[in-house]
N, C-alpha and C. Protein backbone atom coordinates (compact mmCIF):
# COMPACT_ATOMS: atom_id res chain seq x y z
N MET A 1 -2.22 7.60 -57.87
CA MET A 1 -1.01 6.93 -58.30
C MET A 1 -0.07 7.96 -58.94
N ALA A 2 1.20 7.86 -58.65
CA ALA A 2 2.19 8.78 -59.20
C ALA A 2 2.40 8.52 -60.69
N ILE A 3 2.74 9.58 -61.40
CA ILE A 3 3.03 9.47 -62.84
C ILE A 3 4.45 8.96 -63.00
N THR A 4 4.65 8.03 -63.91
CA THR A 4 5.99 7.54 -64.24
C THR A 4 6.56 8.42 -65.33
N MET A 5 7.71 9.03 -65.04
CA MET A 5 8.37 9.90 -66.00
C MET A 5 9.58 9.17 -66.59
N VAL A 6 9.82 9.41 -67.88
CA VAL A 6 10.97 8.83 -68.57
C VAL A 6 11.76 9.98 -69.18
N TYR A 7 13.08 9.98 -68.93
CA TYR A 7 13.95 11.02 -69.45
C TYR A 7 14.90 10.40 -70.47
N VAL A 8 15.04 11.05 -71.63
CA VAL A 8 15.90 10.54 -72.70
C VAL A 8 16.82 11.67 -73.14
N SER A 9 18.13 11.38 -73.15
CA SER A 9 19.08 12.41 -73.61
C SER A 9 19.38 12.21 -75.08
N CYS A 10 19.50 13.32 -75.79
CA CYS A 10 19.79 13.31 -77.22
C CYS A 10 21.06 14.13 -77.46
N ALA A 11 22.06 13.50 -78.11
CA ALA A 11 23.33 14.19 -78.35
C ALA A 11 23.12 15.41 -79.23
N GLU A 12 22.39 15.29 -80.28
CA GLU A 12 22.08 16.42 -81.16
C GLU A 12 20.58 16.39 -81.40
N PRO A 13 19.92 17.41 -81.08
CA PRO A 13 20.32 18.76 -80.70
C PRO A 13 20.42 18.94 -79.20
N ARG A 14 21.32 18.36 -78.52
CA ARG A 14 21.66 18.48 -77.10
C ARG A 14 20.45 18.84 -76.24
N GLU A 15 19.52 17.89 -76.14
CA GLU A 15 18.28 18.08 -75.39
C GLU A 15 18.03 16.89 -74.48
N ILE A 16 17.24 17.14 -73.46
CA ILE A 16 16.70 16.07 -72.64
C ILE A 16 15.20 16.08 -72.86
N LEU A 17 14.68 14.97 -73.34
CA LEU A 17 13.25 14.84 -73.61
C LEU A 17 12.58 14.22 -72.39
N ARG A 18 11.39 14.69 -72.06
CA ARG A 18 10.65 14.16 -70.92
C ARG A 18 9.34 13.59 -71.42
N PHE A 19 9.07 12.36 -71.00
CA PHE A 19 7.86 11.65 -71.41
C PHE A 19 7.09 11.18 -70.18
N ALA A 20 5.78 11.12 -70.29
CA ALA A 20 4.93 10.45 -69.31
C ALA A 20 4.67 9.05 -69.86
N MET A 21 4.80 8.04 -69.00
CA MET A 21 4.60 6.66 -69.45
C MET A 21 3.33 6.09 -68.85
N ASP A 22 2.51 5.51 -69.71
CA ASP A 22 1.33 4.79 -69.27
C ASP A 22 1.80 3.45 -68.71
N ARG A 23 1.57 3.21 -67.44
CA ARG A 23 2.08 1.99 -66.79
C ARG A 23 1.44 0.71 -67.32
N ASP A 24 0.24 0.80 -67.83
CA ASP A 24 -0.44 -0.40 -68.33
C ASP A 24 0.05 -0.80 -69.71
N SER A 25 0.17 0.17 -70.61
CA SER A 25 0.53 -0.15 -71.99
C SER A 25 2.01 0.10 -72.31
N GLY A 26 2.68 0.93 -71.49
CA GLY A 26 4.07 1.29 -71.78
C GLY A 26 4.19 2.41 -72.79
N ALA A 27 3.05 2.95 -73.24
CA ALA A 27 3.06 4.03 -74.23
C ALA A 27 3.65 5.30 -73.61
N LEU A 28 4.40 6.03 -74.44
CA LEU A 28 5.03 7.27 -74.00
C LEU A 28 4.35 8.46 -74.66
N GLN A 29 4.16 9.52 -73.89
CA GLN A 29 3.63 10.77 -74.42
C GLN A 29 4.63 11.86 -74.07
N GLN A 30 5.20 12.53 -75.11
CA GLN A 30 6.20 13.55 -74.85
C GLN A 30 5.58 14.75 -74.16
N ILE A 31 6.22 15.18 -73.08
CA ILE A 31 5.77 16.33 -72.30
C ILE A 31 6.50 17.59 -72.76
N ASP A 32 7.83 17.51 -72.81
CA ASP A 32 8.61 18.67 -73.24
C ASP A 32 10.04 18.25 -73.59
N ALA A 33 10.80 19.23 -74.05
CA ALA A 33 12.22 19.05 -74.36
C ALA A 33 12.97 20.23 -73.76
N THR A 34 14.11 19.94 -73.12
CA THR A 34 14.91 20.99 -72.50
C THR A 34 16.28 21.03 -73.15
N TYR A 35 16.64 22.19 -73.70
CA TYR A 35 17.97 22.37 -74.29
C TYR A 35 19.00 22.39 -73.16
N VAL A 36 20.15 21.75 -73.39
CA VAL A 36 21.22 21.72 -72.40
C VAL A 36 22.36 22.60 -72.90
N PRO A 37 22.56 23.76 -72.26
CA PRO A 37 23.64 24.65 -72.68
C PRO A 37 24.99 24.09 -72.24
N GLY A 38 26.05 24.60 -72.84
CA GLY A 38 27.39 24.16 -72.44
C GLY A 38 28.34 24.25 -73.60
N ILE A 39 29.14 23.22 -73.76
CA ILE A 39 30.16 23.21 -74.80
C ILE A 39 29.52 23.30 -76.18
N ASP A 40 30.21 23.91 -77.11
CA ASP A 40 29.67 24.09 -78.45
C ASP A 40 30.21 23.08 -79.45
N ILE A 41 30.90 22.05 -78.97
CA ILE A 41 31.45 21.02 -79.84
C ILE A 41 30.41 19.90 -79.97
N ALA A 42 30.13 19.50 -81.19
CA ALA A 42 29.16 18.42 -81.42
C ALA A 42 29.67 17.11 -80.83
N SER A 43 28.77 16.31 -80.31
CA SER A 43 29.11 15.01 -79.75
C SER A 43 28.26 13.95 -80.44
N ASN A 44 28.84 12.78 -80.63
CA ASN A 44 28.07 11.70 -81.25
C ASN A 44 27.57 10.70 -80.22
N THR A 45 27.69 11.04 -78.94
CA THR A 45 27.18 10.17 -77.89
C THR A 45 26.16 10.93 -77.06
N SER A 46 25.24 10.21 -76.48
CA SER A 46 24.22 10.85 -75.65
C SER A 46 24.82 11.27 -74.31
N MET A 47 24.10 12.11 -73.62
CA MET A 47 24.54 12.59 -72.31
C MET A 47 24.17 11.55 -71.26
N PRO A 48 25.11 11.17 -70.39
CA PRO A 48 24.72 10.29 -69.29
C PRO A 48 23.82 11.04 -68.32
N LEU A 49 22.82 10.36 -67.81
CA LEU A 49 21.87 10.97 -66.87
C LEU A 49 21.90 10.21 -65.54
N ALA A 50 21.72 10.94 -64.44
CA ALA A 50 21.62 10.32 -63.12
C ALA A 50 20.65 11.16 -62.30
N ILE A 51 19.86 10.49 -61.48
CA ILE A 51 18.91 11.20 -60.64
C ILE A 51 19.41 11.17 -59.19
N SER A 52 19.17 12.26 -58.46
CA SER A 52 19.62 12.33 -57.07
C SER A 52 18.85 11.33 -56.22
N ARG A 53 19.41 11.02 -55.05
CA ARG A 53 18.75 10.04 -54.16
C ARG A 53 17.35 10.47 -53.75
N ASP A 54 17.17 11.78 -53.58
CA ASP A 54 15.84 12.25 -53.17
C ASP A 54 14.89 12.43 -54.36
N ARG A 55 15.39 12.13 -55.57
CA ARG A 55 14.61 12.19 -56.81
C ARG A 55 14.11 13.60 -57.14
N HIS A 56 14.86 14.61 -56.73
CA HIS A 56 14.47 15.99 -57.01
C HIS A 56 15.36 16.65 -58.05
N VAL A 57 16.52 16.06 -58.34
CA VAL A 57 17.47 16.67 -59.28
C VAL A 57 17.91 15.63 -60.30
N LEU A 58 17.86 16.01 -61.58
CA LEU A 58 18.36 15.17 -62.66
C LEU A 58 19.69 15.77 -63.12
N HIS A 59 20.75 14.97 -63.07
CA HIS A 59 22.08 15.42 -63.48
C HIS A 59 22.35 14.91 -64.90
N ALA A 60 22.95 15.78 -65.72
CA ALA A 60 23.32 15.41 -67.10
C ALA A 60 24.79 15.74 -67.30
N GLY A 61 25.54 14.82 -67.87
CA GLY A 61 26.95 15.05 -68.16
C GLY A 61 27.15 15.33 -69.62
N LEU A 62 27.91 16.37 -69.94
CA LEU A 62 28.24 16.67 -71.34
C LEU A 62 29.56 16.02 -71.69
N ARG A 63 29.63 15.44 -72.88
CA ARG A 63 30.85 14.81 -73.35
C ARG A 63 31.41 15.61 -74.51
N GLN A 64 32.72 15.59 -74.62
CA GLN A 64 33.38 16.25 -75.74
C GLN A 64 34.52 15.37 -76.21
N PRO A 65 34.93 15.54 -77.47
CA PRO A 65 36.04 14.74 -77.97
C PRO A 65 37.32 15.00 -77.16
N PRO A 66 38.20 13.97 -77.03
CA PRO A 66 39.44 14.18 -76.25
C PRO A 66 40.36 15.19 -76.91
């Protein structure tokens, strides 16, 4: 059975957290955190995430104040 992965974006400290989810209990176990480089302006909103149709690429959008 394939592992269910959960991705969570965090505005500060601009990271994407990756968790493995137990399908029976829903429990999450953190696998790693990836820093997202880019703009140096702090944001109070999380990064929108989208996965490609083939499920091989995770896209993250950075937001900045207008």
